[in-house]
Amino acid sequence: MIRLDRARIAPDKDKTKAAQIEPFEFELARFDSQLRAETRSRVSDAGQSVSARVNSENSIASPISEEKRAAVEELRWMIEEFKLALFAPEIKTAFPISAVRLARKIAEIEALT
């Protein structure tokens, strides 16, 4: 109920808050796209012979890709917590969150690429 009242009373504030989230959601979508492409590449490589797969860069699951997948999932939840912090600050987040922390997480994921 409080949330609806805030949106009705100050829609411009909601737009400003949503704009703060957009760049992080864009990066999340970009990472998801990269992971899907990597998965498709692995599936298409699955029909190759063992020696061809060993020589192919994208065919063998690497620890980095699994680490990246986990980091992207963590980013997803961090963005949800950030939304909560922006739109419903009276509800406490599960962990401290800010735009700076999100930017650091994105940089960390990019370093895994």
Protein backbone atom coordinates (compact mmCIF):
# COMPACT_ATOMS: atom_id res chain seq x y z
CA MET A 1 0.00 0.00 0.00
CA ILE A 2 2.82 2.40 0.87
CA ARG A 3 4.53 1.58 -2.41
CA LEU A 4 1.39 2.39 -4.43
CA ASP A 5 0.96 5.68 -2.60
CA ARG A 6 4.53 6.68 -3.35
CA ALA A 7 4.15 5.87 -7.04
CA ARG A 8 0.91 7.84 -7.24
CA ILE A 9 2.15 10.87 -5.32
CA ALA A 10 5.60 11.22 -6.91
CA PRO A 11 5.84 9.39 -10.25
CA ASP A 12 8.92 11.42 -11.20
CA LYS A 13 10.80 10.00 -8.22
CA ASP A 14 9.93 6.51 -9.40
CA LYS A 15 11.26 7.30 -12.87
CA THR A 16 14.49 8.60 -11.37
CA LYS A 17 14.88 5.47 -9.25
CA ALA A 18 14.15 3.23 -12.24
CA ALA A 19 16.79 5.11 -14.25
CA GLN A 20 19.36 4.22 -11.57
CA ILE A 21 18.62 0.54 -12.10
CA GLU A 22 18.63 0.51 -15.92
CA PRO A 23 22.41 0.40 -16.51
CA PHE A 24 22.78 -2.57 -14.18
CA GLU A 25 19.91 -4.46 -15.80
CA PHE A 26 21.48 -3.75 -19.19
CA GLU A 27 24.78 -5.28 -18.04
CA LEU A 28 22.94 -8.27 -16.58
CA ALA A 29 21.18 -8.85 -19.91
CA ARG A 30 24.52 -8.58 -21.72
CA PHE A 31 26.11 -11.18 -19.42
CA ASP A 32 23.09 -13.48 -19.81
CA SER A 33 23.42 -13.20 -23.58
CA GLN A 34 27.12 -14.08 -23.42
CA LEU A 35 26.40 -17.12 -21.26
CA ARG A 36 23.64 -18.31 -23.62
CA ALA A 37 25.99 -17.94 -26.59
CA GLU A 38 28.66 -19.91 -24.75
CA THR A 39 26.16 -22.64 -23.93
CA ARG A 40 25.01 -22.85 -27.58
CA SER A 41 28.64 -23.10 -28.65
CA ARG A 42 29.23 -26.02 -26.28
CA VAL A 43 26.12 -27.82 -27.48
CA SER A 44 27.13 -27.47 -31.14
CA ASP A 45 30.63 -28.68 -30.32
CA ALA A 46 29.29 -31.77 -28.52
CA GLY A 47 29.03 -33.70 -31.78
CA GLN A 48 32.76 -33.35 -32.55
CA SER A 49 35.28 -36.12 -31.98
CA VAL A 50 37.17 -36.11 -28.68
CA SER A 51 40.38 -34.84 -30.29
CA ALA A 52 38.49 -32.03 -32.07
CA ARG A 53 36.79 -31.04 -28.81
CA VAL A 54 40.09 -30.87 -26.94
CA ASN A 55 41.42 -28.53 -29.62
CA SER A 56 38.33 -26.31 -29.58
CA GLU A 57 38.47 -23.35 -27.19
CA ASN A 58 34.73 -23.23 -26.38
CA SER A 59 33.89 -26.92 -26.19
CA ILE A 60 35.17 -27.85 -22.76
CA ALA A 61 33.49 -26.34 -19.72
CA SER A 62 36.04 -24.21 -17.96
CA PRO A 63 36.06 -23.27 -14.28
CA ILE A 64 35.98 -19.64 -15.37
CA SER A 65 32.67 -20.05 -17.15
CA GLU A 66 31.12 -21.77 -14.13
CA GLU A 67 32.55 -19.07 -11.88
CA LYS A 68 31.17 -16.44 -14.26
CA ARG A 69 27.74 -18.09 -14.28
CA ALA A 70 27.68 -18.01 -10.46
CA ALA A 71 28.84 -14.38 -10.41
CA VAL A 72 26.11 -13.37 -12.89
CA GLU A 73 23.51 -15.06 -10.70
CA GLU A 74 24.89 -13.17 -7.70
CA LEU A 75 24.64 -9.92 -9.70
CA ARG A 76 21.00 -10.74 -10.49
CA TRP A 77 20.19 -10.98 -6.78
CA MET A 78 22.22 -7.87 -5.98
CA ILE A 79 20.10 -5.91 -8.49
CA GLU A 80 16.93 -7.19 -6.83
CA GLU A 81 18.24 -6.05 -3.45
CA PHE A 82 19.14 -2.67 -4.98
CA LYS A 83 15.56 -2.30 -6.25
CA LEU A 84 14.32 -3.07 -2.78
CA ALA A 85 16.68 -0.50 -1.26
CA LEU A 86 15.52 2.17 -3.72
CA PHE A 87 11.78 1.55 -3.82
CA ALA A 88 11.09 0.20 -0.34
CA PRO A 89 13.84 1.40 2.00
CA GLU A 90 11.78 0.60 5.08
CA ILE A 91 12.27 -3.07 4.23
CA LYS A 92 15.84 -3.95 5.06
CA THR A 93 17.96 -5.63 2.41
CA ALA A 94 19.63 -8.99 3.02
CA PHE A 95 23.04 -7.33 2.67
CA PRO A 96 24.41 -3.81 2.16
CA ILE A 97 23.92 -2.75 -1.46
CA SER A 98 24.69 0.31 -3.54
CA ALA A 99 25.39 1.37 -7.11
CA VAL A 100 29.10 1.26 -6.29
CA ARG A 101 28.88 -2.38 -5.16
CA LEU A 102 26.98 -3.27 -8.33
CA ALA A 103 29.62 -1.56 -10.48
CA ARG A 104 32.34 -3.51 -8.65
CA LYS A 105 30.52 -6.78 -9.25
CA ILE A 106 30.18 -5.98 -12.96
CA ALA A 107 33.91 -5.23 -13.16
CA GLU A 108 34.62 -8.52 -11.38
CA ILE A 109 32.49 -10.45 -13.90
CA GLU A 110 34.15 -8.71 -16.83
CA ALA A 111 37.53 -9.74 -15.46
CA LEU A 112 36.38 -13.37 -15.65
CA THR A 113 35.72 -13.12 -19.38
